[in-house]
Amino acid sequence: MKIAIIGNGISGITAARHIRQLSDHNITVISAETDHFYSRTALMYIYMGHMRFKETKPYEDWFWKKNNIQLKRAFIEQIDTANKILTTKNGEQIDYDVLILATGSASNFFGWKGQDLNGVQGLYSYQDLQLLEQNSLNCKRAVIVGGGLIGIELAEMLHSRHIPVTFLVRESSFWNNVLPAGESDIINKHIRLHGFDLRLNVNLDYVLDDGTGRVKAVKVKETGEEIECELVGITAGVHPNIDFIKKASDIETNRGVLINHYFETNIKDVYAIGDCAEFREPLAKRRPIEQVWYTGRMHGEVVAQNICGKRQAYKPGPWFNSAKFLDIEYQTYGVVMPQLRENETSLYWEHEQGDKCVHMVYDKTTKAFIGINTLGIRMRHHLFDKWLRNKASIETVLENLSAANFDPEFFVQYEPGIIQQYNQQSGAQLKSKARRGIFNMFKLLRNTN
């Protein structure tokens, strides 16, 4: 059986690897971006000089031939699902028996005047990184339009080369469409502490041309101010990279390629996974489009099982994610919405220095633990996954919170203060089940399972 995979990101490559483990099918991975799979999350470290591109490739170049996975550098322009033929930009035709769409995301551009000028770009692909190298040469100031994780990464990248950055963020607080007020405010302060010019409640009006086709400034819609710059980074989110699928196939789409819980599209033998896929019926407490590295990996694992005759639905378990805002680490487990829902209440603890916090959400009536955000404190995924699956109470979580501390022997412990705040808030008399040494930490971790 011939299997064609369009896209060589984490989803497509995971699917290829797992299909190979389960079968001897003919596998071809097609990508117009790079010859080999690389870690997209490491793009910033290449620019900052911490890594070379070859060091972002998880597998040696000989890995693919050894495992009989064919790699093809090409851009697919048309998908003929009736005859099972792909047509490349150069007119070459590739036949398949099973097709997996793993085409990832693309940066959002909202039709601003001047967005096509030289010096205006997004940050998603390896080509974007190469373009940034050119656009940031002799750059005296950059403007980043939009907040979120890509925006903060781009700011850190430019900061490493001493390029001043102005943020234009339309929200009233940084990433407050995802983060509750406490966490978002910490990030606001942290961004400004690092010297970035953070402008909230403002929108890009248009980008000004210097007369040669390059950017010379941006205009702020609300104030009319013109900010001179040589680089404009567009980081106002991403969308599924499916334009060619909409134009060149009969595969059903909405924002993404529509799929069921087995990653099947409306066309037999055509699947979609990763950032480009949209569930027709989203799983409970999860979004219809999951644009996260680890979910892309899980998509690839499950679709491989289905293609190889071991049919199973996608059951990812409780939501989690992690990221960095400059030098503050962020983790989330379960569901913590920007605004509490009707049945929810919360415990918010913030360190006196204002650079760390723990925000727990739980059910008002049952006290069942619903989710947690942490900033500046690293926690263990394994325990929170168990607590969420078992519907543990907030008090069980708090009493055993020290077991979730990722580096308990080497970092300051904040659990007593967090529990004290809960006791004051609720009238409870909880105490932390503290450890005495690394042995007791592992014992507690084992018992909590």
Protein backbone atom coordinates (compact mmCIF):
# COMPACT_ATOMS: atom_id res chain seq x y z
CA MET A 1 0.00 0.00 0.00
CA LYS A 2 1.27 3.46 -0.92
CA ILE A 3 0.90 6.08 1.77
CA ALA A 4 1.53 9.75 0.95
CA ILE A 5 1.97 12.25 3.79
CA ILE A 6 1.87 15.96 2.95
CA GLY A 7 3.87 17.78 5.61
CA ASN A 8 7.05 16.85 7.46
CA GLY A 9 6.32 18.42 10.84
CA ILE A 10 5.82 16.57 14.11
CA SER A 11 2.42 15.16 13.06
CA GLY A 12 3.42 13.85 9.64
CA ILE A 13 6.74 12.43 10.75
CA THR A 14 5.23 10.74 13.82
CA ALA A 15 2.66 9.13 11.55
CA ALA A 16 5.40 7.94 9.18
CA ARG A 17 7.50 6.49 11.98
CA HIS A 18 4.62 4.63 13.58
CA ILE A 19 3.29 3.30 10.28
CA ARG A 20 6.78 1.96 9.62
CA GLN A 21 6.86 0.28 13.04
CA LEU A 22 3.53 -1.39 12.31
CA SER A 23 3.89 -2.27 8.63
CA ASP A 24 6.01 -2.51 5.50
CA HIS A 25 3.82 -0.06 3.55
CA ASN A 26 5.41 2.26 1.02
CA ILE A 27 5.70 5.68 2.74
CA THR A 28 6.45 9.01 1.05
CA VAL A 29 6.65 12.26 3.04
CA ILE A 30 6.23 15.39 0.91
CA SER A 31 7.26 18.86 2.06
CA ALA A 32 7.99 22.16 0.36
CA GLU A 33 9.64 23.61 3.47
CA THR A 34 12.78 21.57 4.24
CA ASP A 35 14.43 18.35 3.13
CA HIS A 36 14.32 16.85 6.62
CA PHE A 37 12.17 17.04 9.73
CA TYR A 38 13.37 19.54 12.31
CA SER A 39 12.13 20.87 15.65
CA ARG A 40 10.01 23.92 14.81
CA THR A 41 10.08 25.05 18.44
CA ALA A 42 13.87 25.46 18.16
CA LEU A 43 13.78 28.09 15.39
CA MET A 44 14.37 30.86 17.92
CA TYR A 45 17.50 29.17 19.23
CA ILE A 46 19.04 29.05 15.76
CA TYR A 47 18.59 32.80 15.38
CA MET A 48 19.93 33.45 18.89
CA GLY A 49 23.05 31.38 18.17
CA HIS A 50 22.35 28.63 20.71
CA MET A 51 21.92 25.91 18.08
CA ARG A 52 22.73 25.22 14.45
CA PHE A 53 20.01 24.02 12.10
CA LYS A 54 21.48 20.53 11.88
CA GLU A 55 21.22 20.28 15.66
CA THR A 56 17.44 20.81 15.50
CA LYS A 57 16.97 17.65 13.43
CA PRO A 58 16.01 14.81 15.83
CA TYR A 59 17.18 12.16 13.36
CA GLU A 60 20.33 11.83 11.29
CA ASP A 61 19.86 12.22 7.54
CA TRP A 62 20.54 8.51 7.01
CA PHE A 63 17.63 7.58 9.31
CA TRP A 64 15.04 7.90 6.54
CA LYS A 65 16.72 5.61 4.04
CA LYS A 66 17.49 3.07 6.73
CA ASN A 67 13.80 2.96 7.69
CA ASN A 68 12.60 3.00 4.07
CA ILE A 69 10.75 6.30 4.38
CA GLN A 70 11.01 8.29 1.17
CA LEU A 71 11.34 12.07 1.42
CA LYS A 72 10.27 14.34 -1.43
CA ARG A 73 10.78 18.12 -1.61
CA ALA A 74 7.77 19.43 -3.51
CA PHE A 75 4.72 21.69 -3.25
CA ILE A 76 1.41 19.98 -3.87
CA GLU A 77 -1.01 22.08 -5.92
CA GLN A 78 -3.84 19.65 -6.60
CA ILE A 79 -5.39 16.60 -4.95
CA ASP A 80 -7.46 14.30 -7.17
CA THR A 81 -9.21 12.14 -4.59
CA ALA A 82 -11.26 10.23 -7.20
CA ASN A 83 -8.15 8.88 -8.93
CA LYS A 84 -5.86 9.20 -5.86
CA ILE A 85 -3.29 11.40 -7.57
CA LEU A 86 -1.33 14.38 -6.23
CA THR A 87 0.00 17.00 -8.63
CA THR A 88 3.03 19.11 -7.69
CA LYS A 89 3.72 22.71 -8.65
CA ASN A 90 6.10 21.40 -11.33
CA GLY A 91 3.40 19.17 -12.85
CA GLU A 92 4.71 15.88 -11.48
CA GLN A 93 2.06 13.37 -10.46
CA ILE A 94 2.28 11.13 -7.38
CA ASP A 95 -0.21 8.31 -6.90
CA TYR A 96 -1.29 7.03 -3.49
CA ASP A 97 -3.61 4.56 -1.80
CA VAL A 98 -3.88 6.46 1.49
CA LEU A 99 -3.31 10.19 1.96
CA ILE A 100 -2.48 11.95 5.24
CA LEU A 101 -2.76 15.76 5.33
CA ALA A 102 -0.37 17.21 7.91
CA THR A 103 0.18 20.66 6.44
CA GLY A 104 0.44 22.60 9.70
CA SER A 105 -0.33 26.30 10.18
CA ALA A 106 0.34 29.64 8.53
CA SER A 107 0.61 33.11 10.05
CA ASN A 108 -2.49 35.32 10.12
CA PHE A 109 -2.39 38.42 7.90
CA PHE A 110 -5.57 40.47 8.02
CA GLY A 111 -5.32 42.50 4.84
CA TRP A 112 -3.52 45.54 6.28
CA LYS A 113 -2.37 48.09 3.74
CA GLY A 114 1.37 47.59 3.32
CA GLN A 115 1.50 44.05 4.71
CA ASP A 116 3.23 42.83 1.54
CA LEU A 117 6.13 45.29 1.82
CA ASN A 118 9.66 44.00 2.26
CA GLY A 119 10.43 43.85 5.96
CA VAL A 120 6.96 42.62 6.96
CA GLN A 121 6.81 38.95 7.90
CA GLY A 122 5.46 36.23 10.15
CA LEU A 123 7.39 33.64 12.11
CA TYR A 124 6.38 30.04 11.57
CA SER A 125 8.52 28.29 8.95
CA TYR A 126 12.22 27.80 8.30
CA GLN A 127 11.83 30.22 5.38
CA ASP A 128 10.51 32.80 7.85
CA LEU A 129 13.67 32.34 9.90
CA GLN A 130 15.85 32.88 6.84
CA LEU A 131 13.85 35.97 5.95
CA LEU A 132 14.26 37.31 9.48
CA GLU A 133 18.03 37.07 9.12
CA GLN A 134 17.77 39.41 6.13
CA ASN A 135 15.12 41.73 7.53
CA SER A 136 16.88 42.28 10.85
CA LEU A 137 20.18 43.34 9.31
CA ASN A 138 20.88 46.95 10.29
CA CYS A 139 17.47 47.09 11.95
CA LYS A 140 17.17 50.00 14.37
CA ARG A 141 13.64 49.18 15.64
CA ALA A 142 11.11 46.43 15.13
CA VAL A 143 7.35 46.48 15.68
CA ILE A 144 5.57 43.26 16.61
CA VAL A 145 1.85 43.15 15.87
CA GLY A 146 0.02 40.77 18.19
CA GLY A 147 0.93 39.09 21.44
CA GLY A 148 0.87 35.44 22.35
CA LEU A 149 3.63 32.88 22.32
CA ILE A 150 5.04 33.54 18.84
CA GLY A 151 5.16 37.27 19.54
CA ILE A 152 7.11 36.86 22.76
CA GLU A 153 9.52 34.45 21.06
CA LEU A 154 10.18 36.92 18.25
CA ALA A 155 10.73 39.70 20.79
CA GLU A 156 13.27 37.59 22.66
CA MET A 157 15.04 36.74 19.41
CA LEU A 158 15.38 40.39 18.42
CA HIS A 159 16.35 41.37 21.96
CA SER A 160 19.30 38.95 21.72
CA ARG A 161 20.65 41.18 18.91
CA HIS A 162 19.93 44.42 20.80
CA ILE A 163 17.09 45.45 18.49
CA PRO A 164 14.48 47.59 20.31
CA VAL A 165 10.94 46.24 20.04
CA THR A 166 7.52 47.87 20.24
CA PHE A 167 4.55 45.54 20.82
CA LEU A 168 1.14 46.49 19.42
CA VAL A 169 -1.42 44.35 21.26
CA ARG A 170 -5.12 44.85 20.64
CA GLU A 171 -6.15 43.25 23.95
CA SER A 172 -6.23 45.16 27.23
CA SER A 173 -3.60 42.81 28.69
CA PHE A 174 -1.06 40.44 27.16
CA TRP A 175 -2.61 37.12 26.00
CA ASN A 176 -5.69 37.72 28.14
CA ASN A 177 -7.79 35.73 25.69
CA VAL A 178 -5.99 32.71 27.19
CA LEU A 179 -4.66 33.81 30.58
CA PRO A 180 -6.70 35.06 33.56
CA ALA A 181 -6.02 38.58 34.80
CA GLY A 182 -3.41 37.69 37.44
CA GLU A 183 -1.15 35.72 35.13
CA SER A 184 -1.56 38.18 32.27
CA ASP A 185 -0.61 41.11 34.50
CA ILE A 186 2.58 39.34 35.60
CA ILE A 187 3.52 38.91 31.93
CA ASN A 188 2.78 42.59 31.21
CA LYS A 189 5.16 43.65 33.96
CA HIS A 190 7.79 41.09 32.93
CA ILE A 191 7.78 42.28 29.30
CA ARG A 192 8.23 45.89 30.35
CA LEU A 193 10.89 44.97 32.91
CA HIS A 194 12.97 43.60 30.03
CA GLY A 195 12.81 46.93 28.22
CA PHE A 196 10.12 46.23 25.62
CA ASP A 197 7.70 48.99 24.64
CA LEU A 198 4.37 47.25 25.28
CA ARG A 199 1.33 49.11 23.88
CA LEU A 200 -2.03 47.62 24.94
CA ASN A 201 -5.49 48.33 23.49
CA VAL A 202 -4.05 49.38 20.14
CA ASN A 203 -4.28 48.08 16.57
CA LEU A 204 -2.14 48.34 13.49
CA ASP A 205 -3.75 50.69 10.98
CA TYR A 206 -1.33 50.27 8.09
CA VAL A 207 2.35 49.90 7.17
CA LEU A 208 4.13 52.79 5.46
CA ASP A 209 6.31 52.40 2.37
CA ASP A 210 9.72 54.10 2.22
CA GLY A 211 9.31 54.57 -1.54
CA THR A 212 11.40 51.54 -2.51
CA GLY A 213 8.98 48.83 -1.46
CA ARG A 214 10.31 48.48 2.09
CA VAL A 215 8.67 49.29 5.38
CA LYS A 216 9.64 52.58 7.00
CA ALA A 217 7.01 52.86 9.76
CA VAL A 218 3.65 51.66 11.04
CA LYS A 219 0.64 53.76 11.91
CA VAL A 220 -1.30 53.07 15.12
CA LYS A 221 -5.03 53.10 14.46
CA GLU A 222 -6.22 54.54 17.77
CA THR A 223 -3.68 57.35 18.16
CA GLY A 224 -2.55 58.07 14.62
CA GLU A 225 1.07 57.81 15.80
CA GLU A 226 3.67 56.70 13.28
CA ILE A 227 6.37 54.45 14.70
CA GLU A 228 9.49 54.30 12.59
CA CYS A 229 10.84 50.78 12.07
CA GLU A 230 12.66 48.58 9.58
CA LEU A 231 10.95 45.32 10.54
CA VAL A 232 7.32 44.44 11.25
CA GLY A 233 6.67 41.04 12.78
CA ILE A 234 3.11 39.78 12.28
CA THR A 235 2.31 37.43 15.17
CA ALA A 236 -1.47 37.81 15.36
CA GLY A 237 -2.04 34.07 15.61
CA VAL A 238 -2.01 31.31 13.02
CA HIS A 239 -4.59 29.43 10.95
CA PRO A 240 -4.65 25.96 9.36
CA ASN A 241 -2.50 25.89 6.23
CA ILE A 242 -5.16 24.52 3.89
CA ASP A 243 -5.66 27.11 1.13
CA PHE A 244 -4.52 24.70 -1.58
CA ILE A 245 -6.78 21.98 -0.17
CA LYS A 246 -9.80 24.28 -0.38
CA LYS A 247 -8.96 25.25 -3.96
CA ALA A 248 -7.78 21.93 -5.34
CA SER A 249 -9.85 19.13 -3.82
CA ASP A 250 -13.31 18.00 -2.71
CA ILE A 251 -12.18 17.45 0.87
CA GLU A 252 -14.54 19.18 3.30
CA THR A 253 -13.10 22.07 5.26
CA ASN A 254 -14.13 24.77 7.70
CA ARG A 255 -11.28 26.63 9.38
CA GLY A 256 -9.38 23.35 9.10
CA VAL A 257 -9.84 20.02 7.34
CA LEU A 258 -12.92 18.46 8.95
CA ILE A 259 -12.33 15.10 10.63
CA ASN A 260 -13.94 12.64 13.02
CA HIS A 261 -12.25 11.18 16.10
CA TYR A 262 -10.39 8.67 13.91
CA PHE A 263 -8.88 11.51 11.82
CA GLU A 264 -10.96 10.47 8.82
CA THR A 265 -12.17 13.15 6.39
CA ASN A 266 -15.30 12.96 4.24
CA ILE A 267 -13.21 11.18 1.58
CA LYS A 268 -12.34 7.50 2.04
CA ASP A 269 -8.62 6.88 2.62
CA VAL A 270 -7.90 10.58 3.27
CA TYR A 271 -6.92 11.60 6.81
CA ALA A 272 -5.90 14.90 8.42
CA ILE A 273 -3.80 15.43 11.54
CA GLY A 274 -2.03 18.17 13.45
CA ASP A 275 -2.56 21.92 13.13
CA CYS A 276 -4.52 21.65 9.86
CA ALA A 277 -7.19 19.30 11.27
CA GLU A 278 -10.50 20.40 12.79
CA PHE A 279 -12.71 18.00 14.73
CA ARG A 280 -16.34 18.04 13.62
CA GLU A 281 -17.29 17.26 17.22
CA PRO A 282 -14.63 18.57 19.63
CA LEU A 283 -13.72 16.43 22.59
CA ALA A 284 -14.97 17.61 25.99
CA LYS A 285 -13.03 20.63 27.29
CA ARG A 286 -10.84 20.75 24.18
CA ARG A 287 -10.73 23.02 21.14
CA PRO A 288 -11.77 21.80 17.66
CA ILE A 289 -8.29 22.69 16.33
CA GLU A 290 -5.31 21.64 18.47
CA GLN A 291 -2.23 23.64 17.47
CA VAL A 292 0.21 22.26 20.02
CA TRP A 293 3.34 20.15 19.52
CA TYR A 294 2.36 17.26 21.76
CA THR A 295 -1.15 16.92 20.33
CA GLY A 296 0.35 16.80 16.84
CA ARG A 297 2.54 13.93 17.97
CA MET A 298 -0.45 12.10 19.45
CA HIS A 299 -2.44 12.64 16.25
CA GLY A 300 0.35 10.95 14.30
CA GLU A 301 0.45 7.98 16.65
CA VAL A 302 -3.30 7.37 16.51
CA VAL A 303 -3.71 7.80 12.75
CA ALA A 304 -0.92 5.25 12.20
CA GLN A 305 -2.84 2.70 14.28
CA ASN A 306 -6.01 3.31 12.26
CA ILE A 307 -4.29 3.04 8.89
CA CYS A 308 -2.57 -0.16 9.95
CA GLY A 309 -5.78 -1.92 10.98
CA LYS A 310 -5.78 -1.23 14.72
CA ARG A 311 -8.75 1.12 14.73
CA GLN A 312 -8.94 3.43 17.71
CA ALA A 313 -10.43 6.81 18.52
CA TYR A 314 -8.36 9.75 19.68
CA LYS A 315 -8.49 10.00 23.49
CA PRO A 316 -5.82 12.46 24.58
CA GLY A 317 -6.80 12.89 28.24
CA PRO A 318 -6.61 16.15 30.20
CA TRP A 319 -5.28 19.23 28.45
CA PHE A 320 -1.78 20.48 29.22
CA ASN A 321 0.72 22.87 27.74
CA SER A 322 3.93 24.69 28.60
CA ALA A 323 5.82 27.68 27.25
CA LYS A 324 8.21 30.46 28.19
CA PHE A 325 7.61 34.19 28.48
CA LEU A 326 11.22 35.39 28.29
CA ASP A 327 12.63 33.78 31.45
CA ILE A 328 9.32 32.94 33.16
CA GLU A 329 8.14 29.37 32.59
CA TYR A 330 4.42 28.78 32.10
CA GLN A 331 2.55 25.52 32.61
CA THR A 332 -1.13 24.67 32.48
CA TYR A 333 -2.97 21.44 33.30
CA GLY A 334 -6.69 20.92 32.93
CA VAL A 335 -8.91 23.90 32.16
CA VAL A 336 -8.24 27.41 33.46
CA MET A 337 -10.34 29.89 31.51
CA PRO A 338 -9.66 33.66 31.39
CA GLN A 339 -12.94 34.12 33.27
CA LEU A 340 -14.36 31.70 35.86
CA ARG A 341 -17.39 29.73 34.73
CA GLU A 342 -20.58 29.54 36.73
CA ASN A 343 -19.69 26.41 38.72
CA GLU A 344 -16.08 27.42 39.40
CA THR A 345 -14.08 29.17 42.06
CA SER A 346 -10.34 29.61 42.35
CA LEU A 347 -7.26 29.94 44.52
CA TYR A 348 -4.74 32.49 43.28
CA TRP A 349 -1.36 32.76 45.01
CA GLU A 350 1.30 35.21 43.87
CA HIS A 351 4.82 35.55 45.20
CA GLU A 352 5.63 38.87 46.86
CA GLN A 353 8.19 39.64 44.14
CA GLY A 354 5.47 39.40 41.50
CA ASP A 355 7.30 36.94 39.23
CA LYS A 356 5.65 33.66 40.27
CA CYS A 357 2.08 32.51 40.74
CA VAL A 358 -0.11 29.44 41.14
CA HIS A 359 -3.73 29.66 40.02
CA MET A 360 -6.00 26.67 40.78
CA VAL A 361 -9.59 26.31 39.67
CA TYR A 362 -12.06 23.92 41.32
CA ASP A 363 -15.76 23.19 41.51
CA LYS A 364 -17.66 25.34 43.99
CA THR A 365 -19.88 22.50 45.18
CA THR A 366 -17.85 19.29 44.91
CA LYS A 367 -14.39 20.89 45.29
CA ALA A 368 -13.22 18.74 42.38
CA PHE A 369 -9.93 20.01 40.96
CA ILE A 370 -10.46 21.43 37.45
CA GLY A 371 -7.14 22.97 36.44
CA ILE A 372 -3.98 24.88 37.33
CA ASN A 373 -1.75 27.57 35.82
CA THR A 374 1.76 28.14 37.11
CA LEU A 375 4.22 30.90 36.26
CA GLY A 376 7.82 30.63 37.41
CA ILE A 377 7.32 27.31 39.24
CA ARG A 378 7.87 24.03 37.42
CA MET A 379 5.45 21.19 38.19
CA ARG A 380 5.25 17.49 37.26
CA HIS A 381 2.82 16.56 34.50
CA HIS A 382 2.34 12.98 35.69
CA LEU A 383 0.68 13.91 38.96
CA PHE A 384 -1.67 16.53 37.57
CA ASP A 385 -2.74 14.14 34.83
CA LYS A 386 -3.63 11.55 37.50
CA TRP A 387 -5.46 14.06 39.69
CA LEU A 388 -7.51 15.33 36.76
CA ARG A 389 -8.37 11.85 35.49
CA ASN A 390 -9.36 10.72 39.01
CA LYS A 391 -11.35 13.92 39.71
CA ALA A 392 -9.32 14.54 42.86
CA SER A 393 -10.44 17.28 45.23
CA ILE A 394 -8.63 20.59 45.48
CA GLU A 395 -7.66 19.68 49.04
CA THR A 396 -6.06 16.40 47.93
CA VAL A 397 -4.08 18.33 45.34
CA LEU A 398 -2.97 20.97 47.84
CA GLU A 399 -1.95 18.50 50.53
CA ASN A 400 0.20 16.63 48.00
CA LEU A 401 1.34 19.62 45.99
CA SER A 402 4.93 19.27 47.20
CA ALA A 403 5.14 15.95 45.33
CA ALA A 404 4.41 17.80 42.11
CA ASN A 405 7.35 20.19 42.57
CA PHE A 406 9.70 19.33 39.71
CA ASP A 407 13.00 20.06 41.51
CA PRO A 408 12.15 19.92 45.22
CA GLU A 409 15.71 19.47 46.48
CA PHE A 410 17.14 22.50 44.71
CA PHE A 411 14.39 25.10 44.54
CA VAL A 412 12.63 27.21 47.13
CA GLN A 413 9.39 25.61 48.31
CA TYR A 414 6.19 27.67 48.07
CA GLU A 415 3.62 25.02 49.00
CA PRO A 416 3.18 26.10 52.66
CA GLY A 417 2.30 29.65 51.59
CA ILE A 418 -0.13 28.39 48.94
CA ILE A 419 -1.88 26.13 51.47
CA GLN A 420 -1.95 28.90 54.06
CA GLN A 421 -3.73 31.14 51.57
CA TYR A 422 -6.29 28.42 50.85
CA ASN A 423 -6.88 27.89 54.57
CA GLN A 424 -7.47 31.61 55.08
CA GLN A 425 -9.79 31.71 52.08
CA SER A 426 -11.82 28.58 52.89
CA GLY A 427 -11.52 28.10 56.66
CA ALA A 428 -9.84 24.71 56.17
CA GLN A 429 -6.85 23.49 58.19
CA LEU A 430 -4.80 21.72 55.53
CA LYS A 431 -1.13 20.88 55.98
CA SER A 432 1.41 20.00 53.33
CA LYS A 433 2.65 16.42 53.21
CA ALA A 434 6.23 17.67 52.99
CA ARG A 435 9.16 15.42 52.19
CA ARG A 436 12.39 14.93 54.01
CA GLY A 437 14.79 14.28 51.17
CA ILE A 438 14.61 12.90 47.67
CA PHE A 439 13.66 9.36 48.79
CA ASN A 440 10.47 10.53 50.48
CA MET A 441 9.54 12.59 47.43
CA PHE A 442 9.60 9.49 45.22
CA LYS A 443 7.70 7.51 47.86
CA LEU A 444 4.96 10.14 47.96
CA LEU A 445 4.87 10.30 44.17
CA ARG A 446 4.39 6.53 44.01
CA ASN A 447 1.69 6.46 46.70
CA THR A 448 -0.27 9.28 45.05
CA ASN A 449 -0.56 7.21 41.87
